[in-house]
Amino acid sequence: MTFPGRPGSHAPQRRVVVSSLGVRGRHGHEVLVDASGRLRVEITEDGVVLPGTGDGPWTRALPHAEPLP
């Protein structure tokens, strides 16, 4: 997943790798978690990231997700 930087800052996007927990979340998609276990999300088939139960670094702009090869 990539988290957009602050608008106008030209900073690189923050990247986070997530892995499956093997369960479905409240939106019906697979729950994914980062290495720390704090960030939990569901990702739709279109790459839309839905907040899960974790305390991730949410911004006003939603993060984007793409599968790794």
C-alpha atoms as a PDB file:
ATOM      1  CA  MET A   1       0.000   0.000   0.000  1.00  0.00           C
ATOM      2  CA  THR A   2       1.119   3.577  -0.505  1.00  0.00           C
ATOM      3  CA  PHE A   3       0.022   6.461   1.665  1.00  0.00           C
ATOM      4  CA  PRO A   4      -0.055   9.864  -0.038  1.00  0.00           C
ATOM      5  CA  GLY A   5       2.307  12.465   1.377  1.00  0.00           C
ATOM      6  CA  ARG A   6       1.171  15.798   2.724  1.00  0.00           C
ATOM      7  CA  PRO A   7      -0.257  17.959  -0.102  1.00  0.00           C
ATOM      8  CA  GLY A   8       2.372  20.328  -1.480  1.00  0.00           C
ATOM      9  CA  SER A   9       5.267  18.686   0.363  1.00  0.00           C
ATOM     10  CA  HIS A  10       6.660  16.697  -2.594  1.00  0.00           C
ATOM     11  CA  ALA A  11       7.725  14.022  -0.116  1.00  0.00           C
ATOM     12  CA  PRO A  12       7.870  10.407  -1.282  1.00  0.00           C
ATOM     13  CA  GLN A  13       4.862   8.251  -0.566  1.00  0.00           C
ATOM     14  CA  ARG A  14       5.009   5.983   2.466  1.00  0.00           C
ATOM     15  CA  ARG A  15       4.922   2.305   1.467  1.00  0.00           C
ATOM     16  CA  VAL A  16       3.649  -0.476   3.686  1.00  0.00           C
ATOM     17  CA  VAL A  17       3.650  -4.207   2.918  1.00  0.00           C
ATOM     18  CA  VAL A  18       0.695  -6.137   4.319  1.00  0.00           C
ATOM     19  CA  SER A  19      -0.016  -9.866   4.654  1.00  0.00           C
ATOM     20  CA  SER A  20      -3.218 -11.851   4.971  1.00  0.00           C
ATOM     21  CA  LEU A  21      -4.651 -12.805   8.362  1.00  0.00           C
ATOM     22  CA  GLY A  22      -6.796 -15.480   6.733  1.00  0.00           C
ATOM     23  CA  VAL A  23     -10.107 -13.956   7.864  1.00  0.00           C
ATOM     24  CA  ARG A  24     -12.769 -11.707   6.346  1.00  0.00           C
ATOM     25  CA  GLY A  25     -13.473  -8.250   7.734  1.00  0.00           C
ATOM     26  CA  ARG A  26     -16.628  -6.252   8.292  1.00  0.00           C
ATOM     27  CA  HIS A  27     -16.716  -5.208   4.609  1.00  0.00           C
ATOM     28  CA  GLY A  28     -16.497  -8.839   3.427  1.00  0.00           C
ATOM     29  CA  HIS A  29     -12.921  -8.655   2.134  1.00  0.00           C
ATOM     30  CA  GLU A  30      -9.808 -10.414   3.356  1.00  0.00           C
ATOM     31  CA  VAL A  31      -8.169  -8.689   6.350  1.00  0.00           C
ATOM     32  CA  LEU A  32      -4.537  -7.703   5.803  1.00  0.00           C
ATOM     33  CA  VAL A  33      -2.050  -6.580   8.459  1.00  0.00           C
ATOM     34  CA  ASP A  34       1.386  -4.917   8.430  1.00  0.00           C
ATOM     35  CA  ALA A  35       4.462  -6.379  10.171  1.00  0.00           C
ATOM     36  CA  SER A  36       3.786  -4.430  13.392  1.00  0.00           C
ATOM     37  CA  GLY A  37       0.192  -5.667  13.603  1.00  0.00           C
ATOM     38  CA  ARG A  38      -1.084  -2.110  14.148  1.00  0.00           C
ATOM     39  CA  LEU A  39      -2.331  -1.467  10.610  1.00  0.00           C
ATOM     40  CA  ARG A  40      -5.270  -3.666   9.586  1.00  0.00           C
ATOM     41  CA  VAL A  41      -7.118  -3.081   6.344  1.00  0.00           C
ATOM     42  CA  GLU A  42      -9.363  -4.664   3.764  1.00  0.00           C
ATOM     43  CA  ILE A  43      -8.519  -4.145   0.098  1.00  0.00           C
ATOM     44  CA  THR A  44     -11.207  -4.393  -2.577  1.00  0.00           C
ATOM     45  CA  GLU A  45     -10.705  -6.023  -5.961  1.00  0.00           C
ATOM     46  CA  ASP A  46     -10.235  -2.498  -7.393  1.00  0.00           C
ATOM     47  CA  GLY A  47      -7.374  -1.652  -4.997  1.00  0.00           C
ATOM     48  CA  VAL A  48      -9.470   0.544  -2.711  1.00  0.00           C
ATOM     49  CA  VAL A  49      -8.196   0.352   0.863  1.00  0.00           C
ATOM     50  CA  LEU A  50     -10.877   0.180   3.550  1.00  0.00           C
ATOM     51  CA  PRO A  51      -9.847   0.971   7.136  1.00  0.00           C
ATOM     52  CA  GLY A  52      -9.909  -2.013   9.448  1.00  0.00           C
ATOM     53  CA  THR A  53      -9.674  -2.144  13.216  1.00  0.00           C
ATOM     54  CA  GLY A  54      -6.071  -0.975  13.538  1.00  0.00           C
ATOM     55  CA  ASP A  55      -4.739   2.525  14.217  1.00  0.00           C
ATOM     56  CA  GLY A  56      -3.128   3.127  10.831  1.00  0.00           C
ATOM     57  CA  PRO A  57      -1.709   6.410   9.550  1.00  0.00           C
ATOM     58  CA  TRP A  58      -4.912   7.536   7.846  1.00  0.00           C
ATOM     59  CA  THR A  59      -4.880  10.813   5.993  1.00  0.00           C
ATOM     60  CA  ARG A  60      -7.619  12.697   4.209  1.00  0.00           C
ATOM     61  CA  ALA A  61      -6.569  10.961   0.995  1.00  0.00           C
ATOM     62  CA  LEU A  62      -7.105   7.223   0.942  1.00  0.00           C
ATOM     63  CA  PRO A  63      -4.105   4.969   0.412  1.00  0.00           C
ATOM     64  CA  HIS A  64      -3.779   2.883  -2.740  1.00  0.00           C
ATOM     65  CA  ALA A  65      -2.947  -0.814  -2.964  1.00  0.00           C
ATOM     66  CA  GLU A  66      -1.471  -3.060  -5.654  1.00  0.00           C
ATOM     67  CA  PRO A  67      -0.580  -6.748  -5.342  1.00  0.00           C
ATOM     68  CA  LEU A  68       3.102  -7.694  -5.359  1.00  0.00           C
ATOM     69  CA  PRO A  69       4.236 -10.185  -8.003  1.00  0.00           C
END
